[in-house]
Amino acid sequence: MNILKEKIQTELIIKNSRFINELFVCDSQSLVRQMIKEQKEKYQDASHVCHAFVIGEKAEVLGMSDAGEPSGTAGKPLLDILKKRKLTNVLVAVVRYFGGIKLGAGGLLRAY
């Protein structure tokens, strides 16, 4: 399993929607809950704050949330990326500011 060394942040604009992606080193579910709460407070004006996490030496604790996006279009793709990259003790939170143009399920899957 691979572990992040430090926080990573990127930003992407797709059809006027702004996506802010942040990866955090997290080694417990309580820390994940705290970080998600902080993200929601920090970006309280955002349309969505979606997330996925993997915790444990053998990646035994997993979680995700679409946070109001259509089911399966945000949390699942994020979790799939973490698993594919064999990352553990990591939380990815993606903040979306809706830009007025609907992306559709396929567009959301690609964006997240």
Foldseek 3Di string as FASTA:
>chain_A
DDEDPAKDWDWDADLQKIKIKIKGQAADPVVVVVVQVVVCVVPVVFPFKWKKAFHDPQSPDIDIDPRPDPPPLAGVLRNVVCVVVVYHSMMMIMTIHDRPDDLPSVRSNVVD
